[in-house]
Amino acid sequence: MVALLEELSPRVEQYSIDECFLDARGIGHCMDLEEFGRQLRGHVLNGTGLTIGVGFGATKTLAKSAQWASKEWPQFRGVLALSPDNPGRTAKLLSLQPVEEIWGVGNRIAKKLKAMGITTALQLSLTNPTFIRKNFNVVLERTVRELNGESCISLEEAPPPKQQIVCQSQLRAADHHL
């Protein structure tokens, strides 16, 4: 799938076995992002037989929220673009997205947020990032900033090499020739 996406975008990060991020900066100047998303869907479908959901956003977190909505509501037909030019659309989506559906928010954090009265992505986005950092962690603070359009998580074209410690022991047959 990565090779197929790289045919249409020069900067692609494989996030997991079935998820990628790509840098779509500049594409919006040449064509409609949702049209580009439909091209991506068609290209992957033709190349693999798989249907994908496509979400565009100013940050990785907003792109994941858009991708979540592209699959959640059929009217988007698998593609949704969130743009800084249309903050109302972003706010509407975030108001409908439960906190447990936000990228990087697990069940434990979602439960704690809900206990504080924060049940939607919009409510989380309106929470003071310093308060979030103090009561949770820097990762959730970055999520809040990302929901507000501040890019805190960069595109990694190649994951850093994994460090490995290898221990090998070799058993030799006893040498009986003296």
N, C-alpha and C. Protein backbone atom coordinates (compact mmCIF):
# COMPACT_ATOMS: atom_id res chain seq x y z
N MET A 1 0.83 -1.19 0.00
CA MET A 1 0.00 0.00 0.00
C MET A 1 0.87 1.26 0.00
N VAL A 2 1.98 1.23 0.73
CA VAL A 2 2.86 2.40 0.79
C VAL A 2 3.37 2.75 -0.60
N ALA A 3 3.79 1.76 -1.36
CA ALA A 3 4.31 2.01 -2.71
C ALA A 3 3.24 2.67 -3.58
N LEU A 4 2.01 2.24 -3.44
CA LEU A 4 0.92 2.84 -4.22
C LEU A 4 0.72 4.30 -3.83
N LEU A 5 0.75 4.59 -2.53
CA LEU A 5 0.57 5.97 -2.08
C LEU A 5 1.75 6.84 -2.49
N GLU A 6 2.95 6.27 -2.50
CA GLU A 6 4.13 7.03 -2.91
C GLU A 6 4.09 7.41 -4.39
N GLU A 7 3.28 6.71 -5.17
CA GLU A 7 3.11 7.08 -6.58
C GLU A 7 2.35 8.40 -6.70
N LEU A 8 1.56 8.75 -5.68
CA LEU A 8 0.76 9.97 -5.73
C LEU A 8 1.23 11.05 -4.77
N SER A 9 2.09 10.70 -3.83
CA SER A 9 2.62 11.67 -2.87
C SER A 9 4.05 11.29 -2.53
N PRO A 10 4.98 12.24 -2.62
CA PRO A 10 6.38 11.89 -2.39
C PRO A 10 6.74 11.62 -0.93
N ARG A 11 5.94 12.10 0.01
CA ARG A 11 6.27 11.92 1.43
C ARG A 11 5.18 11.10 2.10
N VAL A 12 5.51 9.86 2.42
CA VAL A 12 4.56 8.93 3.04
C VAL A 12 5.20 8.32 4.28
N GLU A 13 4.46 8.30 5.37
CA GLU A 13 4.88 7.62 6.60
C GLU A 13 3.98 6.43 6.83
N GLN A 14 4.55 5.25 6.90
CA GLN A 14 3.75 4.08 7.25
C GLN A 14 3.64 4.06 8.77
N TYR A 15 2.42 4.25 9.27
CA TYR A 15 2.18 4.32 10.71
C TYR A 15 1.98 2.92 11.29
N SER A 16 1.28 2.09 10.57
CA SER A 16 1.07 0.70 10.99
C SER A 16 0.90 -0.13 9.73
N ILE A 17 0.58 -1.39 9.91
CA ILE A 17 0.46 -2.27 8.75
C ILE A 17 -0.63 -1.81 7.79
N ASP A 18 -1.65 -1.13 8.30
CA ASP A 18 -2.75 -0.71 7.43
C ASP A 18 -3.05 0.79 7.52
N GLU A 19 -2.12 1.58 8.04
CA GLU A 19 -2.34 3.02 8.14
C GLU A 19 -1.09 3.77 7.70
N CYS A 20 -1.33 4.86 6.96
CA CYS A 20 -0.24 5.72 6.50
C CYS A 20 -0.65 7.17 6.67
N PHE A 21 0.35 8.02 6.82
CA PHE A 21 0.16 9.46 6.73
C PHE A 21 0.92 9.91 5.50
N LEU A 22 0.38 10.90 4.80
CA LEU A 22 1.13 11.47 3.70
C LEU A 22 1.05 12.97 3.77
N ASP A 23 2.05 13.61 3.21
CA ASP A 23 2.13 15.06 3.21
C ASP A 23 1.37 15.57 1.99
N ALA A 24 0.25 16.22 2.23
CA ALA A 24 -0.58 16.73 1.13
C ALA A 24 -0.44 18.24 0.97
N ARG A 25 0.57 18.82 1.65
CA ARG A 25 0.76 20.27 1.51
C ARG A 25 1.00 20.61 0.05
N GLY A 26 0.36 21.64 -0.40
CA GLY A 26 0.51 22.09 -1.78
C GLY A 26 -0.50 21.48 -2.73
N ILE A 27 -1.01 20.31 -2.40
CA ILE A 27 -1.98 19.66 -3.29
C ILE A 27 -3.26 20.48 -3.37
N GLY A 28 -3.65 21.05 -2.24
CA GLY A 28 -4.87 21.86 -2.20
C GLY A 28 -4.81 23.09 -3.10
N HIS A 29 -3.59 23.51 -3.48
CA HIS A 29 -3.46 24.64 -4.40
C HIS A 29 -3.72 24.22 -5.83
N CYS A 30 -3.55 22.93 -6.12
CA CYS A 30 -3.69 22.41 -7.48
C CYS A 30 -5.04 21.77 -7.74
N MET A 31 -5.60 21.16 -6.70
CA MET A 31 -6.88 20.46 -6.86
C MET A 31 -7.58 20.38 -5.52
N ASP A 32 -8.85 20.08 -5.56
CA ASP A 32 -9.65 19.90 -4.36
C ASP A 32 -9.14 18.69 -3.58
N LEU A 33 -8.93 18.86 -2.27
CA LEU A 33 -8.39 17.76 -1.46
C LEU A 33 -9.30 16.54 -1.46
N GLU A 34 -10.60 16.76 -1.44
CA GLU A 34 -11.50 15.60 -1.43
C GLU A 34 -11.45 14.86 -2.76
N GLU A 35 -11.24 15.57 -3.85
CA GLU A 35 -11.05 14.91 -5.15
C GLU A 35 -9.75 14.10 -5.12
N PHE A 36 -8.70 14.67 -4.56
CA PHE A 36 -7.44 13.94 -4.42
C PHE A 36 -7.64 12.70 -3.55
N GLY A 37 -8.42 12.84 -2.49
CA GLY A 37 -8.73 11.69 -1.63
C GLY A 37 -9.45 10.59 -2.38
N ARG A 38 -10.37 10.97 -3.26
CA ARG A 38 -11.07 9.96 -4.08
C ARG A 38 -10.08 9.28 -5.03
N GLN A 39 -9.13 10.05 -5.56
CA GLN A 39 -8.09 9.44 -6.41
C GLN A 39 -7.25 8.44 -5.60
N LEU A 40 -6.88 8.82 -4.37
CA LEU A 40 -6.12 7.90 -3.51
C LEU A 40 -6.90 6.61 -3.28
N ARG A 41 -8.19 6.76 -2.93
CA ARG A 41 -9.03 5.58 -2.69
C ARG A 41 -9.08 4.68 -3.91
N GLY A 42 -9.30 5.28 -5.07
CA GLY A 42 -9.38 4.50 -6.31
C GLY A 42 -8.07 3.82 -6.65
N HIS A 43 -6.97 4.53 -6.45
CA HIS A 43 -5.64 3.98 -6.75
C HIS A 43 -5.34 2.78 -5.86
N VAL A 44 -5.64 2.89 -4.57
CA VAL A 44 -5.40 1.77 -3.65
C VAL A 44 -6.36 0.62 -3.94
N LEU A 45 -7.62 0.94 -4.24
CA LEU A 45 -8.59 -0.11 -4.57
C LEU A 45 -8.14 -0.88 -5.81
N ASN A 46 -7.72 -0.15 -6.85
CA ASN A 46 -7.26 -0.81 -8.08
C ASN A 46 -6.01 -1.64 -7.86
N GLY A 47 -5.12 -1.16 -7.00
CA GLY A 47 -3.85 -1.85 -6.77
C GLY A 47 -3.91 -3.00 -5.79
N THR A 48 -4.87 -2.95 -4.85
CA THR A 48 -4.89 -3.97 -3.79
C THR A 48 -6.24 -4.65 -3.61
N GLY A 49 -7.30 -4.02 -4.12
CA GLY A 49 -8.64 -4.54 -3.87
C GLY A 49 -9.20 -4.10 -2.53
N LEU A 50 -8.45 -3.25 -1.81
CA LEU A 50 -8.88 -2.78 -0.49
C LEU A 50 -9.49 -1.38 -0.57
N THR A 51 -10.55 -1.16 0.20
CA THR A 51 -11.10 0.19 0.31
C THR A 51 -10.48 0.84 1.54
N ILE A 52 -10.18 2.12 1.41
CA ILE A 52 -9.56 2.85 2.52
C ILE A 52 -10.39 4.08 2.84
N GLY A 53 -10.24 4.56 4.06
CA GLY A 53 -10.81 5.84 4.46
C GLY A 53 -9.71 6.88 4.40
N VAL A 54 -10.04 8.08 3.92
CA VAL A 54 -9.05 9.13 3.76
C VAL A 54 -9.52 10.36 4.52
N GLY A 55 -8.64 10.90 5.35
CA GLY A 55 -8.93 12.13 6.07
C GLY A 55 -7.79 13.11 5.92
N PHE A 56 -8.14 14.37 5.68
CA PHE A 56 -7.14 15.43 5.57
C PHE A 56 -7.34 16.40 6.72
N GLY A 57 -6.23 16.88 7.28
CA GLY A 57 -6.29 17.86 8.34
C GLY A 57 -4.96 18.58 8.44
N ALA A 58 -4.96 19.72 9.13
CA ALA A 58 -3.75 20.51 9.30
C ALA A 58 -2.73 19.82 10.18
N THR A 59 -3.17 18.85 10.98
CA THR A 59 -2.28 18.08 11.86
C THR A 59 -2.61 16.60 11.71
N LYS A 60 -1.73 15.76 12.23
CA LYS A 60 -1.99 14.33 12.18
C LYS A 60 -3.26 13.98 12.95
N THR A 61 -3.47 14.61 14.11
CA THR A 61 -4.65 14.31 14.92
C THR A 61 -5.92 14.72 14.20
N LEU A 62 -5.92 15.89 13.56
CA LEU A 62 -7.11 16.30 12.80
C LEU A 62 -7.32 15.40 11.59
N ALA A 63 -6.25 14.97 10.95
CA ALA A 63 -6.38 14.04 9.81
C ALA A 63 -7.00 12.72 10.27
N LYS A 64 -6.57 12.23 11.43
CA LYS A 64 -7.15 10.99 11.97
C LYS A 64 -8.61 11.19 12.34
N SER A 65 -8.96 12.35 12.86
CA SER A 65 -10.37 12.63 13.17
C SER A 65 -11.20 12.65 11.88
N ALA A 66 -10.66 13.28 10.84
CA ALA A 66 -11.35 13.32 9.55
C ALA A 66 -11.49 11.91 8.97
N GLN A 67 -10.45 11.12 9.10
CA GLN A 67 -10.49 9.74 8.60
C GLN A 67 -11.52 8.92 9.38
N TRP A 68 -11.59 9.12 10.68
CA TRP A 68 -12.60 8.44 11.52
C TRP A 68 -14.00 8.80 11.01
N ALA A 69 -14.24 10.09 10.77
CA ALA A 69 -15.56 10.54 10.30
C ALA A 69 -15.85 10.02 8.90
N SER A 70 -14.82 9.90 8.06
CA SER A 70 -15.03 9.42 6.69
C SER A 70 -15.56 8.00 6.67
N LYS A 71 -15.25 7.24 7.72
CA LYS A 71 -15.76 5.87 7.82
C LYS A 71 -17.05 5.82 8.62
N GLU A 72 -17.22 6.74 9.55
CA GLU A 72 -18.38 6.74 10.45
C GLU A 72 -19.67 7.15 9.74
N TRP A 73 -19.57 8.13 8.81
CA TRP A 73 -20.76 8.65 8.14
C TRP A 73 -20.67 8.42 6.63
N PRO A 74 -21.60 7.63 6.08
CA PRO A 74 -21.57 7.26 4.66
C PRO A 74 -21.62 8.45 3.70
N GLN A 75 -22.20 9.57 4.12
CA GLN A 75 -22.32 10.70 3.19
C GLN A 75 -20.95 11.24 2.74
N PHE A 76 -19.89 10.94 3.48
CA PHE A 76 -18.56 11.40 3.08
C PHE A 76 -17.92 10.47 2.04
N ARG A 77 -18.53 9.31 1.81
CA ARG A 77 -18.04 8.34 0.83
C ARG A 77 -16.55 8.04 0.99
N GLY A 78 -16.12 7.95 2.26
CA GLY A 78 -14.75 7.53 2.54
C GLY A 78 -13.69 8.61 2.50
N VAL A 79 -14.09 9.87 2.26
CA VAL A 79 -13.10 10.95 2.17
C VAL A 79 -13.65 12.20 2.86
N LEU A 80 -12.84 12.79 3.74
CA LEU A 80 -13.23 14.04 4.39
C LEU A 80 -12.00 14.91 4.56
N ALA A 81 -12.12 16.17 4.16
CA ALA A 81 -11.03 17.13 4.33
C ALA A 81 -11.46 18.20 5.33
N LEU A 82 -10.63 18.38 6.36
CA LEU A 82 -10.82 19.47 7.31
C LEU A 82 -9.81 20.54 6.94
N SER A 83 -10.28 21.77 6.82
CA SER A 83 -9.41 22.85 6.37
C SER A 83 -9.47 24.02 7.35
N PRO A 84 -8.33 24.69 7.56
CA PRO A 84 -8.35 25.90 8.40
C PRO A 84 -9.28 26.97 7.82
N ASP A 85 -9.57 26.88 6.51
CA ASP A 85 -10.48 27.83 5.87
C ASP A 85 -11.93 27.61 6.26
N ASN A 86 -12.24 26.44 6.85
CA ASN A 86 -13.60 26.12 7.25
C ASN A 86 -13.62 25.62 8.70
N PRO A 87 -13.37 26.54 9.65
CA PRO A 87 -13.31 26.12 11.06
C PRO A 87 -14.64 25.58 11.57
N GLY A 88 -15.75 25.99 10.97
CA GLY A 88 -17.05 25.50 11.39
C GLY A 88 -17.20 24.00 11.15
N ARG A 89 -16.68 23.54 10.03
CA ARG A 89 -16.75 22.10 9.72
C ARG A 89 -15.92 21.29 10.72
N THR A 90 -14.74 21.81 11.04
CA THR A 90 -13.88 21.13 12.02
C THR A 90 -14.56 21.08 13.38
N ALA A 91 -15.11 22.22 13.80
CA ALA A 91 -15.79 22.28 15.11
C ALA A 91 -16.98 21.32 15.15
N LYS A 92 -17.73 21.24 14.06
CA LYS A 92 -18.88 20.33 14.00
C LYS A 92 -18.43 18.88 14.16
N LEU A 93 -17.40 18.50 13.41
CA LEU A 93 -16.90 17.13 13.52
C LEU A 93 -16.42 16.85 14.94
N LEU A 94 -15.62 17.76 15.51
CA LEU A 94 -15.09 17.54 16.85
C LEU A 94 -16.20 17.48 17.90
N SER A 95 -17.29 18.19 17.65
CA SER A 95 -18.42 18.15 18.60
C SER A 95 -19.13 16.81 18.57
N LEU A 96 -18.97 16.07 17.48
CA LEU A 96 -19.63 14.77 17.33
C LEU A 96 -18.70 13.59 17.64
N GLN A 97 -17.42 13.87 17.79
CA GLN A 97 -16.45 12.79 18.02
C GLN A 97 -16.27 12.56 19.52
N PRO A 98 -16.63 11.36 20.00
CA PRO A 98 -16.42 11.04 21.41
C PRO A 98 -14.92 11.01 21.74
N VAL A 99 -14.57 11.38 22.97
CA VAL A 99 -13.15 11.42 23.33
C VAL A 99 -12.45 10.08 23.12
N GLU A 100 -13.17 8.98 23.32
CA GLU A 100 -12.52 7.68 23.16
C GLU A 100 -12.18 7.37 21.71
N GLU A 101 -12.70 8.16 20.77
CA GLU A 101 -12.40 7.96 19.35
C GLU A 101 -11.27 8.87 18.86
N ILE A 102 -10.72 9.70 19.75
CA ILE A 102 -9.61 10.57 19.36
C ILE A 102 -8.34 9.74 19.30
N TRP A 103 -7.56 9.95 18.25
CA TRP A 103 -6.31 9.24 18.06
C TRP A 103 -5.42 9.44 19.29
N GLY A 104 -4.99 8.35 19.88
CA GLY A 104 -4.07 8.41 21.01
C GLY A 104 -4.72 8.47 22.38
N VAL A 105 -6.05 8.60 22.43
CA VAL A 105 -6.74 8.63 23.72
C VAL A 105 -7.26 7.23 24.01
N GLY A 106 -6.71 6.61 25.00
CA GLY A 106 -7.13 5.26 25.37
C GLY A 106 -8.30 5.27 26.32
N ASN A 107 -8.77 4.09 26.67
CA ASN A 107 -9.94 3.95 27.54
C ASN A 107 -9.73 4.57 28.91
N ARG A 108 -8.54 4.39 29.49
CA ARG A 108 -8.28 4.92 30.83
C ARG A 108 -8.35 6.45 30.84
N ILE A 109 -7.71 7.07 29.86
CA ILE A 109 -7.73 8.53 29.78
C ILE A 109 -9.13 9.02 29.44
N ALA A 110 -9.82 8.34 28.53
CA ALA A 110 -11.19 8.73 28.16
C ALA A 110 -12.10 8.70 29.39
N LYS A 111 -11.95 7.69 30.20
CA LYS A 111 -12.77 7.57 31.41
C LYS A 111 -12.51 8.74 32.36
N LYS A 112 -11.25 9.09 32.53
CA LYS A 112 -10.90 10.22 33.41
C LYS A 112 -11.41 11.54 32.83
N LEU A 113 -11.29 11.71 31.51
CA LEU A 113 -11.81 12.93 30.87
C LEU A 113 -13.31 13.04 31.06
N LYS A 114 -14.02 11.93 30.86
CA LYS A 114 -15.47 11.93 31.02
C LYS A 114 -15.87 12.27 32.45
N ALA A 115 -15.10 11.79 33.42
CA ALA A 115 -15.38 12.11 34.82
C ALA A 115 -15.22 13.61 35.08
N MET A 116 -14.43 14.28 34.25
CA MET A 116 -14.23 15.72 34.37
C MET A 116 -15.23 16.49 33.51
N GLY A 117 -16.14 15.78 32.84
CA GLY A 117 -17.13 16.43 31.99
C GLY A 117 -16.68 16.68 30.57
N ILE A 118 -15.55 16.13 30.18
CA ILE A 118 -15.03 16.29 28.82
C ILE A 118 -15.38 15.02 28.06
N THR A 119 -16.40 15.11 27.21
CA THR A 119 -16.90 13.91 26.52
C THR A 119 -16.67 13.92 25.01
N THR A 120 -16.36 15.09 24.45
CA THR A 120 -16.16 15.18 23.00
C THR A 120 -14.79 15.76 22.67
N ALA A 121 -14.38 15.56 21.44
CA ALA A 121 -13.11 16.12 20.97
C ALA A 121 -13.15 17.65 21.02
N LEU A 122 -14.31 18.24 20.74
CA LEU A 122 -14.41 19.70 20.80
C LEU A 122 -14.18 20.19 22.23
N GLN A 123 -14.81 19.54 23.20
CA GLN A 123 -14.60 19.93 24.59
C GLN A 123 -13.13 19.80 24.98
N LEU A 124 -12.48 18.74 24.53
CA LEU A 124 -11.06 18.58 24.83
C LEU A 124 -10.25 19.68 24.17
N SER A 125 -10.59 20.03 22.94
CA SER A 125 -9.85 21.08 22.22
C SER A 125 -9.97 22.44 22.90
N LEU A 126 -11.06 22.65 23.63
CA LEU A 126 -11.29 23.92 24.31
C LEU A 126 -10.70 23.95 25.72
N THR A 127 -10.09 22.86 26.13
CA THR A 127 -9.49 22.77 27.47
C THR A 127 -8.07 23.33 27.42
N ASN A 128 -7.69 24.05 28.45
CA ASN A 128 -6.37 24.66 28.53
C ASN A 128 -5.29 23.57 28.46
N PRO A 129 -4.37 23.68 27.49
CA PRO A 129 -3.32 22.66 27.35
C PRO A 129 -2.45 22.49 28.60
N THR A 130 -2.20 23.59 29.31
CA THR A 130 -1.41 23.51 30.54
C THR A 130 -2.13 22.70 31.60
N PHE A 131 -3.44 22.88 31.70
CA PHE A 131 -4.25 22.09 32.63
C PHE A 131 -4.16 20.60 32.27
N ILE A 132 -4.26 20.31 30.99
CA ILE A 132 -4.19 18.92 30.53
C ILE A 132 -2.82 18.32 30.86
N ARG A 133 -1.77 19.07 30.61
CA ARG A 133 -0.42 18.56 30.90
C ARG A 133 -0.26 18.28 32.40
N LYS A 134 -0.76 19.19 33.22
CA LYS A 134 -0.63 19.05 34.67
C LYS A 134 -1.42 17.85 35.19
N ASN A 135 -2.61 17.60 34.62
CA ASN A 135 -3.49 16.55 35.12
C ASN A 135 -3.37 15.22 34.37
N PHE A 136 -2.70 15.24 33.23
CA PHE A 136 -2.54 14.02 32.44
C PHE A 136 -1.06 13.86 32.09
N ASN A 137 -0.69 14.28 30.87
CA ASN A 137 0.70 14.15 30.44
C ASN A 137 0.94 15.02 29.21
N VAL A 138 2.20 15.10 28.81
CA VAL A 138 2.57 15.93 27.66
C VAL A 138 1.98 15.39 26.36
N VAL A 139 1.77 14.09 26.28
CA VAL A 139 1.21 13.50 25.06
C VAL A 139 -0.22 14.00 24.84
N LEU A 140 -1.03 14.02 25.89
CA LEU A 140 -2.40 14.53 25.75
C LEU A 140 -2.40 16.03 25.52
N GLU A 141 -1.43 16.74 26.10
CA GLU A 141 -1.31 18.18 25.82
C GLU A 141 -1.08 18.39 24.32
N ARG A 142 -0.21 17.58 23.73
CA ARG A 142 0.05 17.69 22.28
C ARG A 142 -1.22 17.40 21.49
N THR A 143 -2.00 16.44 21.95
CA THR A 143 -3.26 16.12 21.28
C THR A 143 -4.18 17.34 21.29
N VAL A 144 -4.29 18.02 22.43
CA VAL A 144 -5.11 19.23 22.52
C VAL A 144 -4.61 20.27 21.53
N ARG A 145 -3.32 20.48 21.51
CA ARG A 145 -2.75 21.47 20.58
C ARG A 145 -3.02 21.07 19.13
N GLU A 146 -2.88 19.79 18.82
CA GLU A 146 -3.13 19.29 17.47
C GLU A 146 -4.60 19.48 17.08
N LEU A 147 -5.52 19.25 18.02
CA LEU A 147 -6.94 19.47 17.74
C LEU A 147 -7.23 20.93 17.41
N ASN A 148 -6.35 21.82 17.86
CA ASN A 148 -6.49 23.25 17.59
C ASN A 148 -5.66 23.70 16.39
N GLY A 149 -5.13 22.74 15.63
CA GLY A 149 -4.43 23.07 14.39
C GLY A 149 -2.94 23.33 14.54
N GLU A 150 -2.38 23.15 15.74
CA GLU A 150 -0.95 23.34 15.96
C GLU A 150 -0.24 22.00 15.77
N SER A 151 0.59 21.92 14.77
CA SER A 151 1.26 20.65 14.47
C SER A 151 2.35 20.37 15.51
N CYS A 152 2.18 19.28 16.23
CA CYS A 152 3.14 18.86 17.26
C CYS A 152 3.76 17.51 16.95
N ILE A 153 3.19 16.78 16.02
CA ILE A 153 3.66 15.43 15.68
C ILE A 153 4.04 15.45 14.20
N SER A 154 5.34 15.38 13.93
CA SER A 154 5.80 15.53 12.55
C SER A 154 5.68 14.23 11.76
N LEU A 155 5.75 14.38 10.46
CA LEU A 155 5.72 13.24 9.56
C LEU A 155 7.09 12.57 9.57
N GLU A 156 7.11 11.29 9.84
CA GLU A 156 8.36 10.53 9.81
C GLU A 156 8.34 9.67 8.56
N GLU A 157 9.18 10.04 7.59
CA GLU A 157 9.18 9.29 6.34
C GLU A 157 9.74 7.89 6.54
N ALA A 158 10.73 7.76 7.37
CA ALA A 158 11.28 6.44 7.67
C ALA A 158 11.37 6.32 9.18
N PRO A 159 10.83 5.27 9.74
CA PRO A 159 10.92 5.12 11.18
C PRO A 159 12.38 4.95 11.60
N PRO A 160 12.72 5.45 12.80
CA PRO A 160 14.10 5.29 13.24
C PRO A 160 14.44 3.81 13.38
N PRO A 161 15.69 3.47 13.10
CA PRO A 161 16.05 2.06 13.21
C PRO A 161 15.87 1.58 14.65
N LYS A 162 15.34 0.39 14.76
CA LYS A 162 15.13 -0.19 16.09
C LYS A 162 16.47 -0.68 16.62
N GLN A 163 16.70 -0.38 17.88
CA GLN A 163 17.91 -0.88 18.51
C GLN A 163 17.65 -2.30 18.97
N GLN A 164 18.61 -3.13 18.76
CA GLN A 164 18.46 -4.51 19.18
C GLN A 164 19.70 -4.93 19.95
N ILE A 165 19.46 -5.69 20.95
CA ILE A 165 20.55 -6.32 21.66
C ILE A 165 20.45 -7.79 21.35
N VAL A 166 21.50 -8.32 20.80
CA VAL A 166 21.48 -9.72 20.40
C VAL A 166 22.49 -10.46 21.26
N CYS A 167 22.05 -11.53 21.81
CA CYS A 167 22.94 -12.38 22.60
C CYS A 167 22.91 -13.76 21.96
N GLN A 168 24.05 -14.24 21.66
CA GLN A 168 24.11 -15.54 21.01
C GLN A 168 25.16 -16.37 21.72
N SER A 169 24.81 -17.57 22.01
CA SER A 169 25.83 -18.47 22.55
C SER A 169 25.98 -19.61 21.57
N GLN A 170 27.15 -20.08 21.49
CA GLN A 170 27.41 -21.14 20.53
C GLN A 170 27.99 -22.32 21.31
N LEU A 171 27.36 -23.44 21.16
CA LEU A 171 27.85 -24.65 21.80
C LEU A 171 28.66 -25.43 20.78
N ARG A 172 29.82 -25.83 21.19
CA ARG A 172 30.66 -26.62 20.29
C ARG A 172 30.74 -28.04 20.83
N ALA A 173 30.88 -28.92 19.93
CA ALA A 173 31.08 -30.32 20.35
C ALA A 173 32.44 -30.42 21.03
N ALA A 174 32.50 -31.21 22.03
CA ALA A 174 33.77 -31.39 22.75
C ALA A 174 34.82 -31.95 21.80
N ASP A 175 36.01 -31.42 21.89
CA ASP A 175 37.11 -31.87 21.05
C ASP A 175 37.84 -32.99 21.76
N HIS A 176 37.73 -34.18 21.22
CA HIS A 176 38.35 -35.34 21.84
C HIS A 176 39.72 -35.65 21.25
N HIS A 177 40.16 -34.87 20.31
CA HIS A 177 41.47 -35.12 19.70
C HIS A 177 42.52 -34.29 20.42
N LEU A 178 43.26 -34.89 21.22
CA LEU A 178 44.32 -34.19 21.95
C LEU A 178 45.65 -34.49 21.39
